[in-house]
Protein backbone atom coordinates (compact mmCIF):
# COMPACT_ATOMS: atom_id res chain seq x y z
CA MET A 1 0.36 0.21 0.15
CA THR A 2 1.82 3.37 -1.33
CA ALA A 3 1.27 6.35 -0.11
CA LEU A 4 2.94 9.59 -0.75
CA SER A 5 6.71 11.14 0.08
CA PRO A 6 6.74 13.28 3.22
CA ALA A 7 9.87 15.14 1.70
CA HIS A 8 8.53 15.57 -1.99
CA PRO A 9 10.21 19.23 -2.93
CA ALA A 10 8.93 21.39 -6.03
CA PRO A 11 11.38 20.29 -8.82
CA THR A 12 14.00 22.52 -9.88
CA VAL A 13 15.54 23.00 -13.41
CA THR A 14 19.42 22.63 -13.33
CA GLY A 15 21.89 22.13 -16.07
CA SER A 16 23.48 18.61 -14.29
CA GLN A 17 19.78 16.71 -13.60
CA VAL A 18 19.62 13.35 -15.75
CA ARG A 19 17.09 12.97 -18.80
CA ARG A 20 15.04 10.15 -19.45
CA GLY A 21 17.05 7.58 -21.94
CA THR A 22 20.47 7.70 -20.40
CA PRO A 23 22.36 5.26 -18.66
CA GLU A 24 22.32 7.33 -15.24
CA TYR A 25 18.40 7.72 -15.47
CA ARG A 26 17.84 3.67 -16.26
CA ARG A 27 20.45 2.90 -13.15
CA ILE A 28 18.62 5.39 -10.95
CA GLY A 29 14.68 4.29 -12.10
CA ALA A 30 15.88 0.41 -11.29
CA ALA A 31 17.71 1.31 -8.05
CA LEU A 32 14.55 3.19 -6.77
CA PHE A 33 12.25 0.56 -7.90
CA LEU A 34 14.44 -1.94 -5.68
CA THR A 35 14.03 0.39 -3.00
CA GLY A 36 10.22 0.45 -3.17
CA PHE A 37 9.94 -3.29 -3.65
CA SER A 38 12.02 -4.01 -0.74
CA ALA A 39 10.40 -1.76 1.88
CA PHE A 40 6.90 -2.69 0.98
CA SER A 41 7.73 -6.61 0.43
CA LEU A 42 9.26 -6.04 4.17
CA ILE A 43 6.63 -4.36 5.33
CA TYR A 44 3.40 -6.72 4.74
CA CYS A 45 5.12 -9.88 4.18
CA ALA A 46 3.89 -10.98 7.83
CA GLN A 47 -0.01 -10.20 6.87
CA PRO A 48 -0.11 -13.96 5.39
CA LEU A 49 1.28 -15.57 8.44
CA LEU A 50 -1.29 -14.50 11.15
CA THR A 51 -2.99 -17.64 11.07
CA ALA A 52 0.56 -19.57 11.33
CA PHE A 53 1.40 -16.96 14.13
CA THR A 54 -1.75 -17.92 16.50
CA HIS A 55 -0.94 -21.57 15.53
CA ASP A 56 3.03 -21.59 16.88
CA PHE A 57 2.91 -18.97 19.73
CA HIS A 58 -0.92 -19.60 20.77
CA VAL A 59 -2.10 -15.91 20.45
CA THR A 60 -5.35 -14.90 19.38
CA PRO A 61 -5.96 -13.41 15.67
CA ALA A 62 -6.03 -10.23 17.49
CA GLN A 63 -2.46 -10.49 19.15
CA SER A 64 -1.65 -12.27 15.78
CA ALA A 65 -2.57 -8.87 14.38
CA LEU A 66 0.42 -6.97 16.30
CA SER A 67 3.09 -8.43 13.69
CA LEU A 68 1.62 -5.94 11.38
CA SER A 69 0.08 -3.03 13.46
CA LEU A 70 3.61 -2.71 15.52
CA THR A 71 5.51 -2.21 11.93
CA THR A 72 2.79 0.48 10.31
CA GLY A 73 2.56 2.34 13.21
CA CYS A 74 6.27 2.21 14.02
CA LEU A 75 6.66 3.18 10.29
CA ALA A 76 4.65 6.38 10.84
CA LEU A 77 6.35 7.83 14.11
CA SER A 78 9.58 6.94 11.87
CA ILE A 79 8.31 8.73 8.93
CA LEU A 80 7.20 12.03 11.05
CA ILE A 81 10.69 12.10 12.32
CA MET A 82 12.64 11.20 9.24
CA SER A 83 10.98 14.19 7.25
CA ALA A 84 12.04 16.53 9.91
CA VAL A 85 15.76 15.86 9.86
CA ALA A 86 16.05 14.10 6.62
CA ASP A 87 17.59 17.07 5.07
CA SER A 88 20.92 16.78 7.13
CA PHE A 89 21.91 13.40 5.88
CA SER A 90 22.62 11.66 2.49
CA ARG A 91 19.60 10.67 0.94
CA ARG A 92 21.57 7.59 -0.46
CA ARG A 93 23.31 6.80 2.83
CA VAL A 94 19.35 6.89 4.67
CA MET A 95 17.62 5.17 2.59
CA LEU A 96 20.54 2.12 2.08
CA THR A 97 21.08 1.98 5.59
CA SER A 98 17.34 1.80 6.13
CA LEU A 99 16.63 -1.10 3.53
CA LEU A 100 20.04 -2.78 5.30
CA ALA A 101 19.12 -2.42 8.88
CA ALA A 102 14.91 -3.72 7.88
CA ALA A 103 16.42 -6.80 5.83
CA LEU A 104 18.56 -7.90 9.17
CA LEU A 105 15.71 -7.41 11.41
CA ASN A 106 13.17 -9.30 8.94
CA SER A 107 15.69 -12.45 9.61
CA LEU A 108 15.99 -11.81 13.18
CA ALA A 109 12.14 -11.86 13.33
CA ALA A 110 12.38 -15.32 11.32
CA LEU A 111 14.67 -16.41 14.25
CA ALA A 112 12.31 -14.78 17.15
CA PRO A 113 11.94 -17.81 20.11
CA THR A 114 9.04 -16.10 21.72
CA TRP A 115 6.27 -13.98 20.56
CA THR A 116 7.82 -10.75 21.92
CA ALA A 117 10.72 -10.99 20.48
CA LEU A 118 9.16 -11.50 16.97
CA LEU A 119 6.94 -8.57 17.64
CA LEU A 120 10.34 -6.34 18.86
CA CYS A 121 12.06 -7.18 15.78
CA ARG A 122 8.66 -5.66 13.26
CA ALA A 123 8.64 -2.88 15.50
CA LEU A 124 12.14 -1.67 15.03
CA GLU A 125 11.86 -2.82 11.11
CA GLY A 126 9.32 0.07 11.20
CA LEU A 127 11.43 2.32 12.16
CA ALA A 128 14.20 1.32 10.27
CA LEU A 129 12.32 1.65 7.22
CA GLY A 130 10.89 5.36 7.53
CA GLY A 131 13.82 6.46 5.91
CA VAL A 132 13.00 4.85 2.24
CA PRO A 133 9.40 7.17 1.69
CA ALA A 134 10.58 10.01 3.81
CA VAL A 135 14.07 10.58 0.90
CA ALA A 136 13.10 8.49 -2.16
CA MET A 137 10.74 11.08 -4.17
CA ALA A 138 13.27 13.63 -2.70
CA TYR A 139 16.22 12.02 -4.26
CA LEU A 140 13.99 11.97 -7.51
CA ALA A 141 12.96 15.34 -7.36
CA GLU A 142 16.64 16.76 -7.08
CA GLU A 143 18.37 14.52 -9.30
CA ILE A 144 15.55 14.03 -12.42
CA HIS A 145 14.56 16.74 -14.96
CA PRO A 146 11.56 18.05 -14.23
CA ARG A 147 10.08 16.46 -17.80
CA ASP A 148 10.96 12.99 -17.25
CA LEU A 149 10.22 13.36 -13.12
CA GLY A 150 6.88 11.61 -13.48
CA ALA A 151 8.07 8.76 -15.30
CA ALA A 152 10.90 8.05 -12.49
CA MET A 153 8.43 8.67 -10.30
CA GLY A 154 6.19 5.77 -11.70
CA GLN A 155 8.82 3.39 -11.54
CA TYR A 156 9.31 3.82 -7.78
CA VAL A 157 5.75 4.16 -6.79
CA GLY A 158 5.54 0.57 -9.40
CA GLY A 159 7.86 -0.71 -7.07
CA THR A 160 6.18 -0.11 -3.93
CA ALA A 161 2.76 -1.81 -4.91
CA PHE A 162 4.17 -4.50 -6.52
CA GLY A 163 6.65 -5.13 -3.38
CA GLY A 164 3.46 -5.03 -1.01
CA MET A 165 1.73 -7.41 -3.20
CA MET A 166 4.43 -9.72 -4.26
CA GLY A 167 5.70 -9.85 -0.06
CA ARG A 168 2.23 -11.04 0.34
CA VAL A 169 1.79 -13.62 -2.25
CA CYS A 170 5.96 -14.75 -2.09
CA ILE A 171 5.58 -15.85 1.89
CA GLY A 172 2.11 -17.06 1.26
CA LEU A 173 3.50 -20.10 -1.28
CA LEU A 174 6.53 -19.95 0.96
CA SER A 175 5.49 -20.77 4.29
CA ASP A 176 3.10 -23.59 2.70
CA VAL A 177 5.94 -25.51 1.20
CA THR A 178 8.36 -25.02 3.79
CA SER A 179 7.52 -22.76 7.23
CA TRP A 180 6.77 -19.46 8.10
CA HIS A 181 10.70 -19.15 9.78
CA ALA A 182 11.84 -20.15 6.49
CA ALA A 183 9.68 -17.68 4.78
CA LEU A 184 10.75 -14.50 6.49
CA LEU A 185 14.63 -15.77 6.49
CA VAL A 186 13.98 -15.78 2.14
CA MET A 187 12.13 -12.16 2.64
CA GLY A 188 14.90 -10.94 4.84
CA GLY A 189 17.57 -12.04 2.01
CA LEU A 190 15.89 -10.73 -0.83
CA GLY A 191 16.05 -7.33 1.09
CA LEU A 192 19.40 -7.93 1.56
CA LEU A 193 19.90 -8.67 -2.13
CA SER A 194 17.90 -5.19 -3.09
CA ALA A 195 20.12 -3.41 -0.92
CA ALA A 196 22.97 -4.60 -2.41
CA GLY A 197 21.74 -3.87 -6.11
CA PHE A 198 20.66 -0.22 -4.86
CA ALA A 199 24.22 0.38 -3.55
CA ALA A 200 25.36 -1.50 -7.14
CA LEU A 201 23.33 0.95 -9.61
CA LEU A 202 22.22 4.24 -7.45
CA PRO A 203 24.72 6.93 -8.88
CA PRO A 204 26.06 9.64 -6.38
CA SER A 205 23.77 12.67 -5.84
CA ARG A 206 24.26 15.77 -7.91
CA GLY A 207 21.57 17.89 -6.66
CA PHE A 208 21.31 17.25 -2.84
CA HIS A 209 23.02 19.53 -0.69
CA PRO A 210 22.86 18.73 3.58
CA ARG A 211 20.94 21.97 5.57
CA ARG A 212 20.85 22.48 9.00
CA THR A 213 17.73 20.81 10.82
CA ALA A 214 14.96 23.63 11.48
CA PRO A 215 14.19 23.44 15.03
CA ALA A 216 11.50 20.95 16.60
CA ARG A 217 8.73 24.11 17.30
CA GLU A 218 9.56 25.12 13.81
CA HIS A 219 8.55 21.86 12.76
CA LEU A 220 5.52 21.56 15.30
CA ARG A 221 4.47 25.11 14.09
CA ARG A 222 4.34 23.93 10.12
CA TRP A 223 1.95 21.12 11.16
CA ALA A 224 -0.40 22.69 13.34
CA ALA A 225 -0.70 25.53 10.34
CA HIS A 226 -1.92 22.60 8.30
CA LEU A 227 -4.30 20.97 10.77
CA ARG A 228 -6.08 24.54 10.51
CA THR A 229 -6.51 24.02 6.94
CA PRO A 230 -9.80 24.02 5.56
CA GLY A 231 -10.05 20.07 4.08
CA MET A 232 -6.69 19.26 5.41
CA GLY A 233 -7.83 17.20 8.76
CA ALA A 234 -10.64 15.76 7.07
CA LEU A 235 -7.92 14.40 4.50
CA PHE A 236 -5.82 13.40 7.25
CA THR A 237 -8.66 11.16 8.80
CA LEU A 238 -9.87 10.07 5.46
CA GLY A 239 -6.23 7.95 5.02
CA PHE A 240 -6.18 6.87 8.77
CA LEU A 241 -9.96 5.27 8.15
CA ASN A 242 -9.27 3.90 4.14
CA LEU A 243 -6.37 1.95 5.15
CA GLY A 244 -7.77 1.10 8.97
CA VAL A 245 -10.49 -0.34 6.90
CA MET A 246 -8.55 -2.62 3.95
CA VAL A 247 -5.94 -4.13 6.65
CA ALA A 248 -8.24 -4.94 8.71
CA ALA A 249 -10.39 -6.70 6.28
CA PHE A 250 -7.48 -8.50 4.87
CA ASN A 251 -5.87 -9.19 8.20
CA TYR A 252 -8.85 -11.42 9.02
CA LEU A 253 -10.13 -12.45 5.81
CA GLY A 254 -7.14 -15.32 5.76
CA PHE A 255 -8.80 -16.40 9.06
CA ARG A 256 -12.06 -17.13 7.59
CA LEU A 257 -10.94 -18.82 4.47
CA HIS A 258 -8.38 -20.47 6.47
CA ALA A 259 -11.55 -22.46 8.77
CA PRO A 260 -14.44 -24.58 7.32
CA PRO A 261 -15.66 -24.96 4.98
CA TYR A 262 -13.19 -22.96 2.85
CA ALA A 263 -10.27 -24.43 4.66
CA LEU A 264 -7.72 -22.83 2.01
CA SER A 265 -3.98 -23.00 2.32
CA ALA A 266 -1.96 -20.34 3.42
CA ALA A 267 -0.59 -20.26 -0.55
CA ALA A 268 -3.87 -20.41 -1.81
CA ILE A 269 -5.26 -17.92 0.55
CA SER A 270 -1.85 -15.77 -0.50
CA LEU A 271 -2.99 -15.37 -4.35
CA ILE A 272 -5.96 -13.39 -3.28
CA PHE A 273 -3.19 -10.31 -2.92
CA LEU A 274 -3.20 -10.14 -6.63
CA THR A 275 -5.96 -8.35 -6.87
CA TYR A 276 -3.83 -5.55 -6.19
CA LEU A 277 -2.80 -5.43 -9.86
CA LEU A 278 -6.30 -4.19 -10.30
CA GLY A 279 -5.63 -1.71 -7.53
CA SER A 280 -2.78 -0.14 -9.35
CA ALA A 281 -4.66 0.17 -12.20
CA ALA A 282 -7.36 2.04 -10.44
CA SER A 283 -5.41 4.22 -8.66
CA SER A 284 -4.09 5.84 -11.51
CA TRP A 285 -7.43 5.76 -13.18
CA GLY A 286 -8.82 7.50 -10.27
CA GLY A 287 -6.16 10.15 -10.57
CA ARG A 288 -7.29 11.07 -13.57
CA LEU A 289 -10.71 11.55 -13.12
CA ALA A 290 -10.50 13.35 -10.48
CA ASP A 291 -8.77 16.28 -12.30
CA ARG A 292 -11.80 15.80 -14.48
CA GLN A 293 -14.85 15.58 -12.11
CA GLY A 294 -13.43 16.44 -8.74
CA ARG A 295 -11.71 15.06 -5.69
CA ARG A 296 -14.63 14.73 -3.62
CA PRO A 297 -17.03 12.65 -5.92
CA LEU A 298 -14.17 10.50 -6.53
CA LEU A 299 -13.81 9.90 -2.66
CA GLN A 300 -17.01 9.01 -2.30
CA GLY A 301 -17.00 6.65 -5.21
CA GLY A 302 -13.99 4.89 -3.66
CA LEU A 303 -15.25 4.30 -0.33
CA LEU A 304 -18.74 3.78 -1.47
CA LEU A 305 -16.74 1.13 -4.11
CA SER A 306 -15.08 -0.75 -0.91
CA GLY A 307 -18.39 -0.67 1.06
CA ALA A 308 -20.39 -2.67 -1.73
CA GLY A 309 -17.32 -5.14 -1.95
CA LEU A 310 -17.42 -5.70 1.76
CA ALA A 311 -21.70 -6.54 1.78
CA LEU A 312 -20.58 -9.01 -1.00
CA THR A 313 -18.27 -10.66 1.10
CA LEU A 314 -21.05 -11.48 3.41
CA LEU A 315 -22.09 -13.90 1.20
CA SER A 316 -21.01 -17.48 1.38
CA PRO A 317 -19.88 -18.43 -2.39
CA LEU A 318 -16.00 -17.95 -2.71
CA PRO A 319 -16.32 -16.35 -6.31
CA VAL A 320 -18.06 -13.88 -4.68
CA ILE A 321 -16.08 -13.21 -1.52
CA ILE A 322 -13.03 -12.90 -4.30
CA LEU A 323 -15.51 -10.58 -6.04
CA GLY A 324 -15.56 -8.46 -3.02
CA VAL A 325 -11.69 -8.36 -2.27
CA THR A 326 -11.38 -7.19 -5.43
CA LEU A 327 -14.22 -4.11 -5.43
CA ILE A 328 -12.52 -3.56 -1.57
CA THR A 329 -9.17 -3.47 -2.98
CA VAL A 330 -10.37 -1.29 -6.19
CA GLY A 331 -11.99 0.78 -4.07
CA PHE A 332 -9.27 1.51 -1.50
CA PHE A 333 -6.91 2.29 -4.29
CA VAL A 334 -9.04 5.06 -5.86
CA THR A 335 -9.77 6.90 -2.58
CA HIS A 336 -5.82 6.69 -1.43
CA SER A 337 -4.46 8.39 -4.88
CA VAL A 338 -7.15 11.09 -5.08
CA ALA A 339 -6.89 11.40 -0.97
CA SER A 340 -2.69 11.49 -0.70
CA SER A 341 -2.71 13.72 -3.97
CA SER A 342 -5.28 16.52 -2.45
CA VAL A 343 -3.23 16.55 0.15
CA GLY A 344 -0.33 18.16 -2.00
CA GLN A 345 -3.12 20.27 -3.52
CA LEU A 346 -4.04 21.94 -0.66
CA ALA A 347 -1.02 22.67 1.35
CA ARG A 348 0.05 26.16 -0.19
CA ARG A 349 3.17 25.57 1.44
CA ASP A 350 5.67 23.30 3.58
CA LYS A 351 4.15 20.51 1.55
CA SER A 352 6.46 17.87 2.76
CA HIS A 353 5.29 18.55 6.44
CA ALA A 354 1.19 17.81 5.21
CA SER A 355 2.69 14.95 3.54
CA ALA A 356 4.29 13.72 6.64
CA LEU A 357 0.89 14.24 8.80
CA TYR A 358 -0.83 12.57 6.51
CA LEU A 359 1.06 9.09 6.10
CA LEU A 360 1.23 9.29 10.13
CA ALA A 361 -2.57 9.19 9.94
CA TYR A 362 -2.70 6.90 6.99
CA TYR A 363 -0.79 4.05 8.83
CA ALA A 364 -1.52 4.93 12.43
CA GLY A 365 -4.83 3.66 11.06
CA SER A 366 -3.45 0.42 10.09
CA SER A 367 -2.24 -0.14 13.03
CA VAL A 368 -5.36 1.19 15.45
CA VAL A 369 -8.21 -0.16 12.81
CA GLY A 370 -6.04 -3.49 12.41
CA VAL A 371 -6.74 -4.08 16.32
CA LEU A 372 -10.13 -3.13 16.30
CA GLY A 373 -10.38 -5.67 13.71
CA GLY A 374 -9.32 -8.24 15.63
CA ALA A 375 -11.88 -7.26 18.98
CA ALA A 376 -14.74 -7.68 16.05
CA TRP A 377 -14.03 -10.99 14.94
CA ALA A 378 -13.19 -12.47 18.24
CA ALA A 379 -16.54 -10.94 19.23
CA GLY A 380 -18.61 -11.79 16.13
CA GLY A 381 -16.76 -13.33 13.72
CA TRP A 382 -16.49 -11.79 10.06
CA PRO A 383 -20.16 -9.94 10.35
CA LEU A 384 -19.66 -7.65 13.32
CA LEU A 385 -15.96 -7.37 11.52
CA VAL A 386 -17.78 -6.22 8.37
CA ALA A 387 -20.17 -4.08 10.65
CA LEU A 388 -17.13 -2.36 11.60
CA CYS A 389 -15.93 -1.22 8.79
CA ALA A 390 -18.61 -0.38 6.97
CA ALA A 391 -19.50 2.26 9.96
CA LEU A 392 -15.94 3.72 9.31
CA LEU A 393 -16.49 3.87 5.88
CA GLY A 394 -19.57 5.67 6.85
CA LEU A 395 -17.81 8.14 8.91
CA GLY A 396 -15.57 8.24 5.61
CA LEU A 397 -18.40 9.26 3.65
CA THR A 398 -19.77 11.67 6.25
CA ILE A 399 -16.09 13.65 5.98
CA THR A 400 -15.77 13.84 2.70
CA ARG A 401 -17.82 17.17 3.10
CA GLN A 402 -15.60 19.10 4.43
CA ILE A 403 -13.24 18.19 1.34
CA PRO A 404 -13.65 20.70 -1.10
CA ARG A 405 -15.14 19.39 -4.72
CA GLY A 406 -12.04 20.68 -7.12
């Protein structure tokens, strides 16, 4: 599940910027694709393993979801911190350190002897990965010529979407034929290989010049100003609700499909995440349509689509459930693409601080609603979980009235 970067400055034209079609451009594109792929595959690779965690560690489904919720919660905090201090450090060093640390921590999680140790590794992994979204797009904006920036950004975002999907699919397939320990180790190894590829491919920075970090009170002033901007708080809340519903639904869908009458394997359940392919396409389509129809109708349409998908998952036939999951995914990506781009449009200055607040709310939603979903699942199974998610989507629809239409 991708998001915009909190450190994405407005591009300026310089004579040293890289143009599309050059060897250097291709190296940068490949390096940033690996970065996005590695970071987001490591974040979400725990999601297909929740049923295995409940069995091996004798924890509840809600407790097993902490293996993802703690990661995204710490990621949200890390992004907020890194967005404030990242300009003081080399872009390359920040991203490489983040990737290496996260891959090593994922490998340590595979070897964790206790549930507490695994959660600690996953929480630290989230903290480590904050350096990637905090600076990746900023690096591209500084190094790539503005006329070619869109294509370069697309490669990075494509890597994040592909990583989020394949991290789930691959680990589900691997855990089915080996064990979750081996699957996490393989993902950690792939993360280390991606970090090595990133280090070998990424050229030295030309456009980055370290700057002193502003005082903490200045960052607080900028964040507070965005919270007072009409419509901005609504967008932050929408990001919280949108990802929260998506994560809660996917977290506990695995438990439903693993139990009778479906009794699907981890590998079969992980294939459902291939719906992300349609979601990624819908993200691009939704952004273009919002430019013509306005952001509010698209936000409402995305939420309604997710709601329709949730309703379908209440039915028993497996093909209908998969159709419902597809609608949830498409609705999520449409809502997210429009909401995240709207943050940049409403922020007249200090856009990086506005984006950081959006990401804080976005990943906090994953953590908080993911845990609440576990309580709903324990109390009333899938119907109560759907009711919770539907109520949150309804709240989101109400909130869209506060967002400017254009």
